[in-house]
Structure formats: C-alpha cells, structure tokens
C-alpha cells in the first residue's frame, strides 16, 4: 500500500508539473513516467491510461471532500465550519487543483457542480434556502446556486487562491443567502 501511495504521489506531482507546461491532451504517459521517475510498467500496473490517472486523482479529492461533509455534525451553526473545511482542503491541494483547472476547465466545472449538489443535500439550511426561494422555482434556484458558487470557486482558483479561505467561505455564505455564525 505504501508503494502504491508513493507511486500515486509521484505521478500526481509529475502531472501537476506537466500541466503547468502544456495541456492535458499533449501530455503522454512516457512524459508522466519520466517526470515521476517510475517506469511505464509501474504506471500501467495501477492505471489504464492518463485519463484513468486523472479520474482517480479527482475522485480521491471528491471522496475526501465528501468525508468532510459527512464527518461533521450538520446544522445551521456548523454549516460555515464545514464550508471552511472544504475550502481549506482545496487550498491544501491547490497546486494540483489549479493546474488541472487551468487545463481542464469543463471537466473540473462538471465535477464541482456534482460536489455542490452533494453539498445542498448535506446542509439543511442551504437546501431549505434553495427549495424555498421566494421568486424562482426549485430547478432555477438550484441552477443559480450551482452557477454562482462554481463561478466563485473557479475564479478564486484561477486567481491563484489569493483570498483567504475565510473570505471565500464568507463569499459563499453571502451569495447563498445564508447567515454567518
């Protein structure tokens, strides 16, 4: 297991470096393995191709984020803390997330929207706010929430994460019509 984690970490670091130099489509498995200092056989022992690697790395991120969502006591006064922990996690893995976002915007946007839908289901205060919007039907209210918040998060990532995670959590709260606690 340690070897598998070491291989994954080396490949993730190599992918991050290469994504800062070229597009994902232009990166070959040979380049990845050379940058990671592993042989191609080791790569193919764990992954089918580079997209399988990317999918696994992104899935790992979203599994960690889901863990944060489900590990905390849920309720109005905890919502801010959960959102802050999610943003802290993104900040901790910022180099990889930034590189992937800059090269695979649509892929990340789709994954982010799925995550935000899970967030709605996890936070009762948020779900109530969206379900009971005074002017919009639920499907439109949900779409506004998804577009607005994914836009904020993606803009923050593209800017290099310059605002603090506290500021970003407050932005999220303000645009979602939630109360800060």
N, C-alpha and C. Protein backbone atom coordinates (compact mmCIF):
# COMPACT_ATOMS: atom_id res chain seq x y z
N UNK A 1 0.83 -1.20 0.00
CA UNK A 1 0.00 0.00 0.00
C UNK A 1 0.87 1.26 0.00
N UNK A 2 1.98 1.23 0.75
CA UNK A 2 2.87 2.39 0.79
C UNK A 2 3.44 2.65 -0.59
N UNK A 3 3.84 1.58 -1.29
CA UNK A 3 4.38 1.74 -2.65
C UNK A 3 3.35 2.35 -3.59
N UNK A 4 2.09 1.86 -3.47
CA UNK A 4 1.02 2.38 -4.33
C UNK A 4 0.79 3.87 -4.06
N UNK A 5 0.79 4.26 -2.79
CA UNK A 5 0.63 5.66 -2.42
C UNK A 5 1.80 6.48 -2.93
N UNK A 6 3.01 5.94 -2.81
CA UNK A 6 4.21 6.63 -3.29
C UNK A 6 4.13 6.83 -4.81
N UNK A 7 3.72 5.80 -5.52
CA UNK A 7 3.57 5.90 -6.98
C UNK A 7 2.54 6.96 -7.34
N UNK A 8 1.39 6.92 -6.67
CA UNK A 8 0.33 7.90 -6.93
C UNK A 8 0.84 9.31 -6.65
N UNK A 9 1.51 9.49 -5.53
CA UNK A 9 2.03 10.82 -5.18
C UNK A 9 3.05 11.32 -6.20
N UNK A 10 3.93 10.44 -6.65
CA UNK A 10 4.92 10.83 -7.67
C UNK A 10 4.23 11.22 -8.97
N UNK A 11 3.23 10.43 -9.36
CA UNK A 11 2.51 10.73 -10.60
C UNK A 11 1.69 12.01 -10.48
N UNK A 12 1.11 12.24 -9.33
CA UNK A 12 0.34 13.47 -9.13
C UNK A 12 1.25 14.69 -9.21
N UNK A 13 2.41 14.60 -8.59
CA UNK A 13 3.37 15.70 -8.64
C UNK A 13 3.85 15.92 -10.07
N UNK A 14 4.14 14.83 -10.77
CA UNK A 14 4.60 14.93 -12.17
C UNK A 14 3.50 15.53 -13.05
N UNK A 15 2.28 15.09 -12.85
CA UNK A 15 1.16 15.62 -13.63
C UNK A 15 0.98 17.11 -13.37
N UNK A 16 1.10 17.52 -12.13
CA UNK A 16 0.98 18.94 -11.78
C UNK A 16 2.04 19.76 -12.50
N UNK A 17 3.27 19.28 -12.48
CA UNK A 17 4.36 19.99 -13.16
C UNK A 17 4.09 20.08 -14.66
N UNK A 18 3.70 18.97 -15.26
CA UNK A 18 3.47 18.95 -16.71
C UNK A 18 2.26 19.78 -17.12
N UNK A 19 1.22 19.79 -16.29
CA UNK A 19 0.03 20.61 -16.60
C UNK A 19 0.34 22.10 -16.57
N UNK A 20 1.36 22.47 -15.83
CA UNK A 20 1.78 23.88 -15.83
C UNK A 20 2.59 24.24 -17.07
N UNK A 21 3.00 23.23 -17.82
CA UNK A 21 3.79 23.45 -19.03
C UNK A 21 2.99 23.25 -20.32
N UNK A 22 2.00 22.34 -20.28
CA UNK A 22 1.26 22.01 -21.51
C UNK A 22 -0.12 21.48 -21.16
N UNK A 23 -0.94 21.33 -22.18
CA UNK A 23 -2.31 20.85 -21.95
C UNK A 23 -2.31 19.35 -21.64
N UNK A 24 -3.37 18.93 -20.99
CA UNK A 24 -3.52 17.52 -20.64
C UNK A 24 -3.47 16.65 -21.89
N UNK A 25 -4.10 17.10 -22.97
CA UNK A 25 -4.10 16.32 -24.22
C UNK A 25 -2.70 16.11 -24.77
N UNK A 26 -1.79 17.04 -24.49
CA UNK A 26 -0.43 16.96 -25.02
C UNK A 26 0.54 16.20 -24.12
N UNK A 27 0.08 15.74 -22.98
CA UNK A 27 0.94 15.00 -22.06
C UNK A 27 0.82 13.51 -22.36
N UNK A 28 1.96 12.87 -22.51
CA UNK A 28 1.96 11.42 -22.78
C UNK A 28 2.29 10.66 -21.49
N UNK A 29 1.96 9.39 -21.50
CA UNK A 29 2.30 8.53 -20.36
C UNK A 29 3.82 8.48 -20.21
N UNK A 30 4.54 8.46 -21.31
CA UNK A 30 6.01 8.46 -21.25
C UNK A 30 6.54 9.69 -20.52
N UNK A 31 5.97 10.85 -20.84
CA UNK A 31 6.40 12.08 -20.15
C UNK A 31 6.07 12.02 -18.66
N UNK A 32 4.89 11.52 -18.36
CA UNK A 32 4.48 11.41 -16.96
C UNK A 32 5.43 10.51 -16.18
N UNK A 33 5.71 9.34 -16.73
CA UNK A 33 6.56 8.39 -16.01
C UNK A 33 8.00 8.89 -15.90
N UNK A 34 8.46 9.57 -16.93
CA UNK A 34 9.81 10.14 -16.88
C UNK A 34 9.89 11.20 -15.78
N UNK A 35 8.91 12.09 -15.75
CA UNK A 35 8.89 13.16 -14.73
C UNK A 35 8.73 12.58 -13.33
N UNK A 36 7.99 11.48 -13.21
CA UNK A 36 7.75 10.86 -11.90
C UNK A 36 8.87 9.91 -11.48
N UNK A 37 9.79 9.63 -12.39
CA UNK A 37 10.89 8.70 -12.13
C UNK A 37 10.37 7.31 -11.78
N UNK A 38 9.39 6.86 -12.56
CA UNK A 38 8.91 5.49 -12.45
C UNK A 38 8.87 4.91 -13.86
N UNK A 39 8.82 3.58 -13.95
CA UNK A 39 8.76 3.01 -15.30
C UNK A 39 7.31 2.85 -15.76
N UNK A 40 7.16 2.73 -17.07
CA UNK A 40 5.82 2.65 -17.66
C UNK A 40 5.05 1.42 -17.16
N UNK A 41 5.77 0.34 -16.91
CA UNK A 41 5.12 -0.87 -16.39
C UNK A 41 4.44 -0.61 -15.06
N UNK A 42 5.11 0.15 -14.20
CA UNK A 42 4.53 0.51 -12.91
C UNK A 42 3.27 1.35 -13.12
N UNK A 43 3.34 2.30 -14.04
CA UNK A 43 2.17 3.13 -14.34
C UNK A 43 1.00 2.24 -14.75
N UNK A 44 1.24 1.36 -15.72
CA UNK A 44 0.15 0.53 -16.24
C UNK A 44 -0.30 -0.55 -15.26
N UNK A 45 0.47 -0.82 -14.26
CA UNK A 45 0.04 -1.72 -13.19
C UNK A 45 -1.10 -1.09 -12.40
N UNK A 46 -1.09 0.24 -12.30
CA UNK A 46 -2.08 0.96 -11.50
C UNK A 46 -3.17 1.65 -12.32
N UNK A 47 -2.85 2.06 -13.54
CA UNK A 47 -3.79 2.87 -14.34
C UNK A 47 -3.85 2.37 -15.77
N UNK A 48 -5.02 2.55 -16.40
CA UNK A 48 -5.19 2.14 -17.80
C UNK A 48 -4.54 3.12 -18.76
N UNK A 49 -4.66 4.41 -18.44
CA UNK A 49 -4.11 5.47 -19.28
C UNK A 49 -4.07 6.75 -18.44
N UNK A 50 -3.66 7.86 -19.05
CA UNK A 50 -3.52 9.09 -18.27
C UNK A 50 -4.86 9.59 -17.76
N UNK A 51 -5.95 9.38 -18.53
CA UNK A 51 -7.26 9.83 -18.05
C UNK A 51 -7.74 9.00 -16.87
N UNK A 52 -7.36 7.74 -16.82
CA UNK A 52 -7.68 6.91 -15.65
C UNK A 52 -6.96 7.47 -14.42
N UNK A 53 -5.71 7.89 -14.59
CA UNK A 53 -4.97 8.53 -13.51
C UNK A 53 -5.68 9.80 -13.06
N UNK A 54 -6.03 10.67 -14.00
CA UNK A 54 -6.70 11.93 -13.67
C UNK A 54 -8.02 11.64 -12.96
N UNK A 55 -8.81 10.73 -13.51
CA UNK A 55 -10.09 10.38 -12.89
C UNK A 55 -9.90 9.89 -11.46
N UNK A 56 -8.89 9.05 -11.25
CA UNK A 56 -8.61 8.54 -9.90
C UNK A 56 -8.19 9.66 -8.95
N UNK A 57 -7.34 10.56 -9.41
CA UNK A 57 -6.89 11.67 -8.56
C UNK A 57 -8.04 12.61 -8.22
N UNK A 58 -8.87 12.90 -9.19
CA UNK A 58 -10.01 13.79 -8.94
C UNK A 58 -11.03 13.09 -8.04
N UNK A 59 -11.27 11.82 -8.29
CA UNK A 59 -12.21 11.06 -7.45
C UNK A 59 -11.71 11.03 -6.00
N UNK A 60 -10.41 10.89 -5.82
CA UNK A 60 -9.83 10.91 -4.48
C UNK A 60 -10.11 12.24 -3.78
N UNK A 61 -9.98 13.34 -4.51
CA UNK A 61 -10.27 14.66 -3.94
C UNK A 61 -11.73 14.74 -3.51
N UNK A 62 -12.63 14.32 -4.40
CA UNK A 62 -14.04 14.42 -4.07
C UNK A 62 -14.46 13.45 -2.97
N UNK A 63 -13.80 12.32 -2.87
CA UNK A 63 -14.07 11.41 -1.75
C UNK A 63 -13.65 12.06 -0.43
N UNK A 64 -12.50 12.72 -0.43
CA UNK A 64 -12.06 13.43 0.77
C UNK A 64 -13.04 14.54 1.14
N UNK A 65 -13.52 15.26 0.13
CA UNK A 65 -14.48 16.33 0.39
C UNK A 65 -15.80 15.77 0.92
N UNK A 66 -16.24 14.64 0.37
CA UNK A 66 -17.46 14.00 0.89
C UNK A 66 -17.26 13.57 2.33
N UNK A 67 -16.06 13.08 2.63
CA UNK A 67 -15.73 12.68 4.01
C UNK A 67 -15.88 13.87 4.95
N UNK A 68 -15.40 15.03 4.54
CA UNK A 68 -15.55 16.24 5.35
C UNK A 68 -17.02 16.54 5.56
N UNK A 69 -17.80 16.44 4.50
CA UNK A 69 -19.23 16.75 4.60
C UNK A 69 -19.96 15.81 5.54
N UNK A 70 -19.59 14.54 5.52
CA UNK A 70 -20.33 13.56 6.32
C UNK A 70 -19.75 13.37 7.72
N UNK A 71 -18.56 13.87 7.97
CA UNK A 71 -17.94 13.65 9.28
C UNK A 71 -18.32 14.69 10.31
N UNK A 72 -18.87 15.80 9.86
CA UNK A 72 -19.21 16.89 10.76
C UNK A 72 -20.66 16.82 11.20
N UNK A 73 -20.91 17.33 12.39
CA UNK A 73 -22.28 17.46 12.86
C UNK A 73 -22.95 18.53 12.00
N UNK A 74 -24.09 18.18 11.43
CA UNK A 74 -24.76 19.07 10.50
C UNK A 74 -25.82 19.90 11.23
N UNK A 75 -25.86 21.15 10.90
CA UNK A 75 -26.85 22.07 11.45
C UNK A 75 -26.43 23.47 11.08
N UNK A 76 -27.31 24.42 11.28
CA UNK A 76 -27.05 25.80 10.86
C UNK A 76 -25.73 26.33 11.38
N UNK A 77 -25.46 26.14 12.66
CA UNK A 77 -24.25 26.76 13.20
C UNK A 77 -22.98 26.04 12.76
N UNK A 78 -23.12 24.85 12.18
CA UNK A 78 -21.94 24.13 11.71
C UNK A 78 -21.69 24.32 10.22
N UNK A 79 -22.65 24.86 9.51
CA UNK A 79 -22.53 24.98 8.06
C UNK A 79 -21.30 25.77 7.64
N UNK A 80 -21.05 26.90 8.27
CA UNK A 80 -19.89 27.72 7.92
C UNK A 80 -18.61 26.92 8.13
N UNK A 81 -18.51 26.21 9.25
CA UNK A 81 -17.30 25.44 9.55
C UNK A 81 -17.05 24.35 8.50
N UNK A 82 -18.12 23.71 8.05
CA UNK A 82 -17.98 22.67 7.03
C UNK A 82 -17.49 23.28 5.72
N UNK A 83 -18.11 24.37 5.31
CA UNK A 83 -17.71 25.03 4.07
C UNK A 83 -16.26 25.48 4.17
N UNK A 84 -15.87 26.02 5.30
CA UNK A 84 -14.49 26.46 5.52
C UNK A 84 -13.52 25.27 5.43
N UNK A 85 -13.89 24.13 6.01
CA UNK A 85 -13.02 22.95 5.94
C UNK A 85 -12.86 22.46 4.50
N UNK A 86 -13.94 22.52 3.74
CA UNK A 86 -13.87 22.13 2.33
C UNK A 86 -12.91 23.04 1.58
N UNK A 87 -13.03 24.34 1.80
CA UNK A 87 -12.15 25.30 1.12
C UNK A 87 -10.71 25.13 1.59
N UNK A 88 -10.50 24.85 2.88
CA UNK A 88 -9.15 24.58 3.38
C UNK A 88 -8.54 23.37 2.68
N UNK A 89 -9.35 22.34 2.47
CA UNK A 89 -8.85 21.15 1.77
C UNK A 89 -8.40 21.51 0.35
N UNK A 90 -9.23 22.28 -0.34
CA UNK A 90 -8.87 22.72 -1.70
C UNK A 90 -7.56 23.50 -1.66
N UNK A 91 -7.43 24.37 -0.68
CA UNK A 91 -6.21 25.19 -0.55
C UNK A 91 -4.99 24.30 -0.30
N UNK A 92 -5.16 23.24 0.50
CA UNK A 92 -4.04 22.34 0.80
C UNK A 92 -3.55 21.58 -0.44
N UNK A 93 -4.44 21.33 -1.38
CA UNK A 93 -4.08 20.61 -2.61
C UNK A 93 -4.12 21.57 -3.80
N UNK A 94 -3.85 22.84 -3.53
CA UNK A 94 -4.08 23.89 -4.51
C UNK A 94 -3.26 23.74 -5.79
N UNK A 95 -2.00 23.36 -5.69
CA UNK A 95 -1.15 23.27 -6.88
C UNK A 95 -1.74 22.34 -7.92
N UNK A 96 -2.16 21.16 -7.49
CA UNK A 96 -2.74 20.20 -8.42
C UNK A 96 -4.08 20.70 -8.95
N UNK A 97 -4.94 21.17 -8.06
CA UNK A 97 -6.26 21.65 -8.46
C UNK A 97 -6.14 22.83 -9.42
N UNK A 98 -5.23 23.74 -9.14
CA UNK A 98 -5.01 24.89 -10.02
C UNK A 98 -4.57 24.42 -11.41
N UNK A 99 -3.57 23.56 -11.46
CA UNK A 99 -3.04 23.08 -12.74
C UNK A 99 -4.13 22.37 -13.54
N UNK A 100 -4.90 21.54 -12.89
CA UNK A 100 -5.96 20.81 -13.59
C UNK A 100 -7.07 21.75 -14.05
N UNK A 101 -7.43 22.71 -13.21
CA UNK A 101 -8.48 23.67 -13.57
C UNK A 101 -8.07 24.50 -14.78
N UNK A 102 -6.84 24.94 -14.81
CA UNK A 102 -6.38 25.78 -15.91
C UNK A 102 -6.32 25.01 -17.23
N UNK A 103 -6.22 23.68 -17.16
CA UNK A 103 -6.11 22.87 -18.37
C UNK A 103 -7.36 22.07 -18.72
N UNK A 104 -8.22 21.88 -17.77
CA UNK A 104 -9.40 21.03 -17.99
C UNK A 104 -10.61 21.68 -17.33
N UNK A 105 -10.88 22.91 -17.69
CA UNK A 105 -11.93 23.71 -17.05
C UNK A 105 -13.28 23.00 -17.04
N UNK A 106 -13.72 22.49 -18.18
CA UNK A 106 -15.04 21.85 -18.25
C UNK A 106 -15.12 20.62 -17.37
N UNK A 107 -14.06 19.83 -17.34
CA UNK A 107 -14.01 18.63 -16.51
C UNK A 107 -14.16 19.01 -15.04
N UNK A 108 -13.38 19.99 -14.60
CA UNK A 108 -13.43 20.43 -13.21
C UNK A 108 -14.77 21.08 -12.90
N UNK A 109 -15.30 21.87 -13.81
CA UNK A 109 -16.59 22.52 -13.60
C UNK A 109 -17.69 21.47 -13.39
N UNK A 110 -17.69 20.42 -14.20
CA UNK A 110 -18.69 19.36 -14.04
C UNK A 110 -18.54 18.66 -12.69
N UNK A 111 -17.31 18.37 -12.30
CA UNK A 111 -17.07 17.72 -11.00
C UNK A 111 -17.48 18.65 -9.86
N UNK A 112 -17.19 19.92 -9.99
CA UNK A 112 -17.55 20.89 -8.96
C UNK A 112 -19.06 21.00 -8.81
N UNK A 113 -19.77 21.00 -9.92
CA UNK A 113 -21.23 21.06 -9.86
C UNK A 113 -21.80 19.83 -9.14
N UNK A 114 -21.23 18.65 -9.40
CA UNK A 114 -21.68 17.44 -8.70
C UNK A 114 -21.43 17.57 -7.21
N UNK A 115 -20.27 18.12 -6.87
CA UNK A 115 -19.96 18.31 -5.45
C UNK A 115 -20.92 19.29 -4.81
N UNK A 116 -21.22 20.40 -5.48
CA UNK A 116 -22.14 21.39 -4.92
C UNK A 116 -23.54 20.81 -4.75
N UNK A 117 -23.96 19.92 -5.64
CA UNK A 117 -25.25 19.24 -5.46
C UNK A 117 -25.23 18.39 -4.19
N UNK A 118 -24.10 17.72 -3.94
CA UNK A 118 -23.97 16.93 -2.71
C UNK A 118 -23.98 17.85 -1.49
N UNK A 119 -23.38 19.02 -1.62
CA UNK A 119 -23.38 19.99 -0.52
C UNK A 119 -24.80 20.43 -0.19
N UNK A 120 -25.61 20.67 -1.20
CA UNK A 120 -27.00 21.05 -0.98
C UNK A 120 -27.71 19.98 -0.15
N UNK A 121 -27.50 18.73 -0.50
CA UNK A 121 -28.15 17.63 0.22
C UNK A 121 -27.62 17.47 1.63
N UNK A 122 -26.41 17.93 1.88
CA UNK A 122 -25.78 17.76 3.18
C UNK A 122 -26.14 18.86 4.17
N UNK A 123 -26.34 20.06 3.69
CA UNK A 123 -26.59 21.20 4.57
C UNK A 123 -28.07 21.58 4.55
N UNK A 124 -28.81 21.23 5.61
CA UNK A 124 -30.25 21.50 5.63
C UNK A 124 -30.60 22.98 5.43
N UNK A 125 -29.83 23.86 6.00
CA UNK A 125 -30.08 25.30 5.87
C UNK A 125 -29.98 25.73 4.41
N UNK A 126 -28.99 25.20 3.72
CA UNK A 126 -28.80 25.53 2.31
C UNK A 126 -29.92 24.94 1.46
N UNK A 127 -30.25 23.69 1.71
CA UNK A 127 -31.33 23.04 0.96
C UNK A 127 -32.64 23.80 1.13
N UNK A 128 -32.94 24.20 2.35
CA UNK A 128 -34.17 24.95 2.62
C UNK A 128 -34.16 26.28 1.87
N UNK A 129 -33.03 26.96 1.89
CA UNK A 129 -32.91 28.25 1.20
C UNK A 129 -33.15 28.10 -0.30
N UNK A 130 -32.61 27.06 -0.89
CA UNK A 130 -32.77 26.84 -2.33
C UNK A 130 -34.18 26.36 -2.66
N UNK A 131 -34.68 25.42 -1.87
CA UNK A 131 -36.02 24.87 -2.13
C UNK A 131 -37.13 25.90 -1.95
N UNK A 132 -36.88 26.90 -1.13
CA UNK A 132 -37.93 27.88 -0.80
C UNK A 132 -37.59 29.28 -1.28
N UNK A 133 -36.92 29.37 -2.40
CA UNK A 133 -36.59 30.69 -2.94
C UNK A 133 -37.88 31.45 -3.23
N UNK A 134 -37.94 32.74 -2.84
CA UNK A 134 -39.20 33.48 -2.98
C UNK A 134 -39.62 33.78 -4.42
N UNK A 135 -38.68 33.76 -5.36
CA UNK A 135 -39.02 34.18 -6.72
C UNK A 135 -38.77 33.12 -7.80
N UNK A 136 -38.02 32.08 -7.48
CA UNK A 136 -37.63 31.12 -8.50
C UNK A 136 -38.13 29.72 -8.18
N UNK A 137 -38.50 28.96 -9.20
CA UNK A 137 -38.79 27.54 -8.98
C UNK A 137 -37.51 26.83 -8.53
N UNK A 138 -37.68 25.70 -7.88
CA UNK A 138 -36.54 24.98 -7.30
C UNK A 138 -35.44 24.69 -8.33
N UNK A 139 -35.79 24.25 -9.54
CA UNK A 139 -34.76 23.91 -10.52
C UNK A 139 -33.95 25.13 -10.93
N UNK A 140 -34.60 26.28 -11.04
CA UNK A 140 -33.88 27.51 -11.38
C UNK A 140 -33.04 28.00 -10.19
N UNK A 141 -33.59 27.90 -9.02
CA UNK A 141 -32.86 28.30 -7.82
C UNK A 141 -31.61 27.44 -7.65
N UNK A 142 -31.74 26.16 -7.90
CA UNK A 142 -30.59 25.25 -7.82
C UNK A 142 -29.54 25.63 -8.86
N UNK A 143 -29.97 25.90 -10.08
CA UNK A 143 -29.03 26.27 -11.15
C UNK A 143 -28.31 27.58 -10.83
N UNK A 144 -29.03 28.55 -10.29
CA UNK A 144 -28.40 29.81 -9.90
C UNK A 144 -27.35 29.55 -8.84
N UNK A 145 -27.69 28.74 -7.83
CA UNK A 145 -26.73 28.40 -6.78
C UNK A 145 -25.48 27.74 -7.36
N UNK A 146 -25.69 26.73 -8.21
CA UNK A 146 -24.56 26.00 -8.79
C UNK A 146 -23.67 26.91 -9.63
N UNK A 147 -24.28 27.70 -10.49
CA UNK A 147 -23.51 28.58 -11.37
C UNK A 147 -22.75 29.64 -10.60
N UNK A 148 -23.42 30.26 -9.66
CA UNK A 148 -22.82 31.33 -8.88
C UNK A 148 -21.65 30.82 -8.04
N UNK A 149 -21.86 29.73 -7.33
CA UNK A 149 -20.81 29.24 -6.44
C UNK A 149 -19.68 28.55 -7.17
N UNK A 150 -19.98 27.82 -8.24
CA UNK A 150 -18.88 27.24 -9.01
C UNK A 150 -18.07 28.36 -9.66
N UNK A 151 -18.75 29.43 -10.08
CA UNK A 151 -18.05 30.58 -10.64
C UNK A 151 -17.12 31.23 -9.64
N UNK A 152 -17.59 31.39 -8.41
CA UNK A 152 -16.76 31.99 -7.36
C UNK A 152 -15.54 31.11 -7.08
N UNK A 153 -15.76 29.81 -6.91
CA UNK A 153 -14.66 28.91 -6.59
C UNK A 153 -13.66 28.85 -7.74
N UNK A 154 -14.15 28.71 -8.96
CA UNK A 154 -13.24 28.64 -10.11
C UNK A 154 -12.49 29.95 -10.32
N UNK A 155 -13.14 31.06 -10.09
CA UNK A 155 -12.46 32.37 -10.20
C UNK A 155 -11.35 32.47 -9.15
N UNK A 156 -11.64 32.03 -7.94
CA UNK A 156 -10.65 32.03 -6.86
C UNK A 156 -9.45 31.17 -7.24
N UNK A 157 -9.72 30.00 -7.81
CA UNK A 157 -8.63 29.12 -8.23
C UNK A 157 -7.81 29.77 -9.34
N UNK A 158 -8.49 30.32 -10.36
CA UNK A 158 -7.77 30.96 -11.48
C UNK A 158 -6.93 32.14 -11.01
N UNK A 159 -7.40 32.85 -9.97
CA UNK A 159 -6.63 33.99 -9.43
C UNK A 159 -5.45 33.53 -8.59
N UNK A 160 -5.36 32.25 -8.33
CA UNK A 160 -4.24 31.74 -7.54
C UNK A 160 -4.57 31.58 -6.07
N UNK A 161 -5.84 31.62 -5.71
CA UNK A 161 -6.25 31.42 -4.32
C UNK A 161 -5.77 32.52 -3.40
N UNK A 162 -5.77 33.76 -3.90
CA UNK A 162 -5.19 34.86 -3.12
C UNK A 162 -6.02 35.23 -1.90
N UNK A 163 -7.35 35.13 -2.00
CA UNK A 163 -8.15 35.44 -0.81
C UNK A 163 -8.04 34.28 0.18
N UNK A 164 -8.20 34.60 1.44
CA UNK A 164 -8.12 33.57 2.47
C UNK A 164 -9.32 32.63 2.35
N UNK A 165 -9.18 31.47 2.95
CA UNK A 165 -10.31 30.53 2.93
C UNK A 165 -11.49 31.09 3.71
N UNK A 166 -11.22 31.90 4.72
CA UNK A 166 -12.30 32.55 5.48
C UNK A 166 -13.08 33.50 4.58
N UNK A 167 -12.35 34.30 3.79
CA UNK A 167 -13.01 35.23 2.87
C UNK A 167 -13.87 34.48 1.87
N UNK A 168 -13.33 33.40 1.32
CA UNK A 168 -14.09 32.64 0.33
C UNK A 168 -15.33 32.00 0.95
N UNK A 169 -15.21 31.47 2.16
CA UNK A 169 -16.38 30.91 2.84
C UNK A 169 -17.43 31.99 3.06
N UNK A 170 -17.00 33.20 3.40
CA UNK A 170 -17.95 34.30 3.57
C UNK A 170 -18.61 34.69 2.24
N UNK A 171 -17.85 34.69 1.15
CA UNK A 171 -18.44 34.95 -0.16
C UNK A 171 -19.54 33.93 -0.44
N UNK A 172 -19.21 32.68 -0.18
CA UNK A 172 -20.16 31.59 -0.41
C UNK A 172 -21.44 31.85 0.39
N UNK A 173 -21.27 32.19 1.65
CA UNK A 173 -22.43 32.44 2.50
C UNK A 173 -23.24 33.63 2.01
N UNK A 174 -22.57 34.68 1.65
CA UNK A 174 -23.27 35.90 1.23
C UNK A 174 -24.09 35.67 -0.02
N UNK A 175 -23.54 35.01 -1.02
CA UNK A 175 -24.28 34.81 -2.26
C UNK A 175 -25.33 33.72 -2.15
N UNK A 176 -25.21 32.88 -1.14
CA UNK A 176 -26.18 31.80 -0.95
C UNK A 176 -27.31 32.20 0.00
N UNK A 177 -27.30 33.46 0.43
CA UNK A 177 -28.32 33.97 1.35
C UNK A 177 -28.38 33.18 2.65
N UNK A 178 -27.22 32.76 3.13
CA UNK A 178 -27.14 32.07 4.41
C UNK A 178 -26.64 33.05 5.45
N UNK A 179 -26.95 32.78 6.69
CA UNK A 179 -26.46 33.65 7.76
C UNK A 179 -25.08 33.18 8.17
N UNK A 180 -24.18 34.13 8.45
CA UNK A 180 -22.89 33.75 9.01
C UNK A 180 -23.09 33.58 10.50
N UNK A 181 -22.32 32.65 11.09
CA UNK A 181 -22.46 32.40 12.53
C UNK A 181 -21.16 32.62 13.22
